[in-house]
């Protein structure tokens, strides 16, 4: 009878070992499923966080862009209001023209040509270019 008991004990132990192995396999499978679910949830949360940060960054960049565009528009408007080029003549040129009888309030191309007749062509071109830069002479009056 003792032999039967030992065989029964051995069979019971074997059955219990098989049940334990099966239970361990089920537990490992559940843990793997939970790990996959946790990874998906974490990825989802990270995605939402990244999207929130990117949305905030985009809003900040859009605000900065709008401010820069407004500043550019303001600078362009103020640049359009300011006269372009030089509006005064160098003292030496004003003196030379005054000696020739040219009044700077009302300059005509003919008066300038007459006043500059004694100069070489290169010097006349330089004087007329300076007058145009100063805004005293129009390009159409260059002659």
C-alpha atoms as a PDB file:
ATOM      1  CA  UNK A   1       0.000   0.000   0.000  1.00  0.00           C
ATOM      2  CA  UNK A   2       2.862   2.230   0.592  1.00  0.00           C
ATOM      3  CA  UNK A   3       3.877   1.858  -3.005  1.00  0.00           C
ATOM      4  CA  UNK A   4       0.529   3.055  -4.137  1.00  0.00           C
ATOM      5  CA  UNK A   5       0.748   5.976  -1.904  1.00  0.00           C
ATOM      6  CA  UNK A   6       4.152   6.878  -3.259  1.00  0.00           C
ATOM      7  CA  UNK A   7       2.874   6.505  -6.838  1.00  0.00           C
ATOM      8  CA  UNK A   8      -0.155   8.566  -5.995  1.00  0.00           C
ATOM      9  CA  UNK A   9       2.030  11.201  -4.388  1.00  0.00           C
ATOM     10  CA  UNK A  10       4.280  11.265  -7.404  1.00  0.00           C
ATOM     11  CA  UNK A  11       1.290  11.581  -9.741  1.00  0.00           C
ATOM     12  CA  UNK A  12      -0.205  14.322  -7.609  1.00  0.00           C
ATOM     13  CA  UNK A  13       3.105  16.190  -7.508  1.00  0.00           C
ATOM     14  CA  UNK A  14       3.441  15.871 -11.290  1.00  0.00           C
ATOM     15  CA  UNK A  15      -0.117  17.128 -11.805  1.00  0.00           C
ATOM     16  CA  UNK A  16       0.490  20.052  -9.446  1.00  0.00           C
ATOM     17  CA  UNK A  17       3.736  20.905 -11.237  1.00  0.00           C
ATOM     18  CA  UNK A  18       1.923  20.916 -14.588  1.00  0.00           C
ATOM     19  CA  UNK A  19      -0.824  23.126 -13.190  1.00  0.00           C
ATOM     20  CA  UNK A  20       1.781  25.520 -11.757  1.00  0.00           C
ATOM     21  CA  UNK A  21       3.601  25.665 -15.123  1.00  0.00           C
ATOM     22  CA  UNK A  22       0.324  26.367 -16.877  1.00  0.00           C
ATOM     23  CA  UNK A  23      -0.528  29.091 -14.333  1.00  0.00           C
ATOM     24  CA  UNK A  24       2.914  30.652 -14.832  1.00  0.00           C
ATOM     25  CA  UNK A  25       2.445  30.644 -18.610  1.00  0.00           C
ATOM     26  CA  UNK A  26      -0.933  32.381 -18.225  1.00  0.00           C
ATOM     27  CA  UNK A  27       0.590  34.949 -15.831  1.00  0.00           C
ATOM     28  CA  UNK A  28       3.448  35.674 -18.248  1.00  0.00           C
ATOM     29  CA  UNK A  29       0.958  36.090 -21.114  1.00  0.00           C
ATOM     30  CA  UNK A  30      -1.150  38.514 -19.020  1.00  0.00           C
ATOM     31  CA  UNK A  31       1.965  40.484 -18.049  1.00  0.00           C
ATOM     32  CA  UNK A  32       3.010  40.733 -21.704  1.00  0.00           C
ATOM     33  CA  UNK A  33      -0.466  42.003 -22.637  1.00  0.00           C
ATOM     34  CA  UNK A  34      -0.367  44.527 -19.795  1.00  0.00           C
ATOM     35  CA  UNK A  35       3.076  45.681 -20.900  1.00  0.00           C
ATOM     36  CA  UNK A  36       1.847  46.223 -24.465  1.00  0.00           C
ATOM     37  CA  UNK A  37      -1.195  48.124 -23.152  1.00  0.00           C
ATOM     38  CA  UNK A  38       0.960  50.273 -20.843  1.00  0.00           C
ATOM     39  CA  UNK A  39       3.408  51.021 -23.664  1.00  0.00           C
ATOM     40  CA  UNK A  40       0.541  52.076 -25.948  1.00  0.00           C
ATOM     41  CA  UNK A  41      -0.954  54.272 -23.214  1.00  0.00           C
ATOM     42  CA  UNK A  42       2.443  55.847 -22.458  1.00  0.00           C
ATOM     43  CA  UNK A  43       3.024  56.503 -26.160  1.00  0.00           C
ATOM     44  CA  UNK A  44      -0.400  58.094 -26.401  1.00  0.00           C
ATOM     45  CA  UNK A  45       0.287  60.344 -23.412  1.00  0.00           C
ATOM     46  CA  UNK A  46       3.707  61.315 -24.756  1.00  0.00           C
ATOM     47  CA  UNK A  47       2.078  62.106 -28.095  1.00  0.00           C
ATOM     48  CA  UNK A  48      -0.464  64.372 -26.391  1.00  0.00           C
ATOM     49  CA  UNK A  49       2.292  66.108 -24.405  1.00  0.00           C
ATOM     50  CA  UNK A  50       4.381  66.633 -27.522  1.00  0.00           C
ATOM     51  CA  UNK A  51       1.363  67.929 -29.416  1.00  0.00           C
ATOM     52  CA  UNK A  52       0.600  70.360 -26.581  1.00  0.00           C
ATOM     53  CA  UNK A  53       4.190  71.607 -26.487  1.00  0.00           C
ATOM     54  CA  UNK A  54       4.309  71.917 -30.284  1.00  0.00           C
ATOM     55  CA  UNK A  55       1.004  73.791 -30.298  1.00  0.00           C
ATOM     56  CA  UNK A  56       2.312  76.198 -27.664  1.00  0.00           C
ATOM     57  CA  UNK A  57       5.574  76.638 -29.602  1.00  0.00           C
ATOM     58  CA  UNK A  58       3.686  77.225 -32.845  1.00  0.00           C
ATOM     59  CA  UNK A  59       1.494  79.822 -31.143  1.00  0.00           C
ATOM     60  CA  UNK A  60       4.585  81.562 -29.766  1.00  0.00           C
ATOM     61  CA  UNK A  61       6.270  81.525 -33.173  1.00  0.00           C
ATOM     62  CA  UNK A  62       3.121  82.857 -34.850  1.00  0.00           C
ATOM     63  CA  UNK A  63       2.955  85.656 -32.282  1.00  0.00           C
ATOM     64  CA  UNK A  64       6.624  86.527 -32.878  1.00  0.00           C
ATOM     65  CA  UNK A  65       6.097  86.416 -36.649  1.00  0.00           C
ATOM     66  CA  UNK A  66       3.114  88.754 -36.401  1.00  0.00           C
ATOM     67  CA  UNK A  67       5.155  91.150 -34.241  1.00  0.00           C
ATOM     68  CA  UNK A  68       8.041  91.044 -36.729  1.00  0.00           C
ATOM     69  CA  UNK A  69       5.711  91.647 -39.671  1.00  0.00           C
ATOM     70  CA  UNK A  70       4.148  94.605 -37.840  1.00  0.00           C
ATOM     71  CA  UNK A  71       7.617  96.016 -37.124  1.00  0.00           C
ATOM     72  CA  UNK A  72       8.633  95.583 -40.763  1.00  0.00           C
ATOM     73  CA  UNK A  73       5.458  97.331 -41.922  1.00  0.00           C
ATOM     74  CA  UNK A  74       6.106 100.147 -39.458  1.00  0.00           C
ATOM     75  CA  UNK A  75       9.717 100.532 -40.623  1.00  0.00           C
ATOM     76  CA  UNK A  76       8.670 100.486 -44.275  1.00  0.00           C
ATOM     77  CA  UNK A  77       6.023 103.143 -43.593  1.00  0.00           C
ATOM     78  CA  UNK A  78       8.520 105.354 -41.775  1.00  0.00           C
ATOM     79  CA  UNK A  79      11.084 104.809 -44.553  1.00  0.00           C
ATOM     80  CA  UNK A  80       8.516 105.894 -47.145  1.00  0.00           C
ATOM     81  CA  UNK A  81       7.883 109.080 -45.177  1.00  0.00           C
ATOM     82  CA  UNK A  82      11.560 109.984 -44.987  1.00  0.00           C
ATOM     83  CA  UNK A  83      13.124 111.689 -47.991  1.00  0.00           C
ATOM     84  CA  UNK A  84      15.539 109.529 -49.899  1.00  0.00           C
ATOM     85  CA  UNK A  85      19.033 110.667 -50.646  1.00  0.00           C
ATOM     86  CA  UNK A  86      20.929 113.720 -49.605  1.00  0.00           C
ATOM     87  CA  UNK A  87      19.115 117.071 -49.623  1.00  0.00           C
ATOM     88  CA  UNK A  88      22.073 119.360 -48.981  1.00  0.00           C
ATOM     89  CA  UNK A  89      25.064 120.248 -51.091  1.00  0.00           C
ATOM     90  CA  UNK A  90      28.614 120.174 -49.907  1.00  0.00           C
ATOM     91  CA  UNK A  91      29.779 123.654 -48.922  1.00  0.00           C
ATOM     92  CA  UNK A  92      32.430 123.770 -51.615  1.00  0.00           C
ATOM     93  CA  UNK A  93      29.883 123.014 -54.356  1.00  0.00           C
ATOM     94  CA  UNK A  94      27.392 125.567 -53.043  1.00  0.00           C
ATOM     95  CA  UNK A  95      30.181 128.167 -52.937  1.00  0.00           C
ATOM     96  CA  UNK A  96      31.293 127.372 -56.495  1.00  0.00           C
ATOM     97  CA  UNK A  97      27.736 127.645 -57.808  1.00  0.00           C
ATOM     98  CA  UNK A  98      27.161 130.906 -55.896  1.00  0.00           C
ATOM     99  CA  UNK A  99      30.294 132.400 -57.495  1.00  0.00           C
ATOM    100  CA  UNK A 100      28.805 131.572 -60.891  1.00  0.00           C
ATOM    101  CA  UNK A 101      25.544 133.284 -59.967  1.00  0.00           C
ATOM    102  CA  UNK A 102      23.401 130.157 -59.503  1.00  0.00           C
ATOM    103  CA  UNK A 103      20.823 130.547 -56.726  1.00  0.00           C
ATOM    104  CA  UNK A 104      19.999 127.215 -55.074  1.00  0.00           C
ATOM    105  CA  UNK A 105      16.305 128.060 -54.469  1.00  0.00           C
ATOM    106  CA  UNK A 106      15.409 127.787 -58.139  1.00  0.00           C
ATOM    107  CA  UNK A 107      17.898 125.800 -60.165  1.00  0.00           C
ATOM    108  CA  UNK A 108      17.391 125.285 -63.867  1.00  0.00           C
ATOM    109  CA  UNK A 109      19.408 122.977 -66.045  1.00  0.00           C
ATOM    110  CA  UNK A 110      20.451 125.834 -68.324  1.00  0.00           C
ATOM    111  CA  UNK A 111      21.780 127.883 -65.412  1.00  0.00           C
ATOM    112  CA  UNK A 112      23.793 124.944 -64.160  1.00  0.00           C
ATOM    113  CA  UNK A 113      25.165 124.217 -67.621  1.00  0.00           C
ATOM    114  CA  UNK A 114      26.232 127.847 -67.959  1.00  0.00           C
ATOM    115  CA  UNK A 115      27.840 127.864 -64.530  1.00  0.00           C
ATOM    116  CA  UNK A 116      29.709 124.640 -65.195  1.00  0.00           C
ATOM    117  CA  UNK A 117      30.907 125.530 -68.711  1.00  0.00           C
ATOM    118  CA  UNK A 118      34.425 126.261 -67.498  1.00  0.00           C
ATOM    119  CA  UNK A 119      34.774 122.775 -65.984  1.00  0.00           C
ATOM    120  CA  UNK A 120      35.881 119.608 -67.768  1.00  0.00           C
ATOM    121  CA  UNK A 121      33.252 117.063 -68.799  1.00  0.00           C
ATOM    122  CA  UNK A 122      34.198 114.737 -65.946  1.00  0.00           C
ATOM    123  CA  UNK A 123      33.887 117.556 -63.414  1.00  0.00           C
ATOM    124  CA  UNK A 124      30.495 118.610 -64.827  1.00  0.00           C
ATOM    125  CA  UNK A 125      29.246 115.050 -64.589  1.00  0.00           C
ATOM    126  CA  UNK A 126      30.468 114.833 -60.986  1.00  0.00           C
ATOM    127  CA  UNK A 127      28.791 118.145 -60.046  1.00  0.00           C
ATOM    128  CA  UNK A 128      25.485 117.176 -61.703  1.00  0.00           C
ATOM    129  CA  UNK A 129      25.570 113.752 -60.042  1.00  0.00           C
ATOM    130  CA  UNK A 130      26.072 115.409 -56.668  1.00  0.00           C
ATOM    131  CA  UNK A 131      23.198 117.811 -57.374  1.00  0.00           C
ATOM    132  CA  UNK A 132      20.943 114.871 -58.247  1.00  0.00           C
ATOM    133  CA  UNK A 133      21.939 113.031 -55.058  1.00  0.00           C
ATOM    134  CA  UNK A 134      21.144 116.188 -53.097  1.00  0.00           C
ATOM    135  CA  UNK A 135      17.717 116.326 -54.730  1.00  0.00           C
ATOM    136  CA  UNK A 136      18.368 119.761 -56.204  1.00  0.00           C
ATOM    137  CA  UNK A 137      18.450 118.557 -59.797  1.00  0.00           C
ATOM    138  CA  UNK A 138      16.062 116.074 -61.399  1.00  0.00           C
ATOM    139  CA  UNK A 139      17.462 113.334 -63.642  1.00  0.00           C
ATOM    140  CA  UNK A 140      15.377 114.734 -66.504  1.00  0.00           C
ATOM    141  CA  UNK A 141      17.216 118.084 -66.127  1.00  0.00           C
ATOM    142  CA  UNK A 142      20.626 116.476 -66.419  1.00  0.00           C
ATOM    143  CA  UNK A 143      21.185 117.746 -69.946  1.00  0.00           C
END
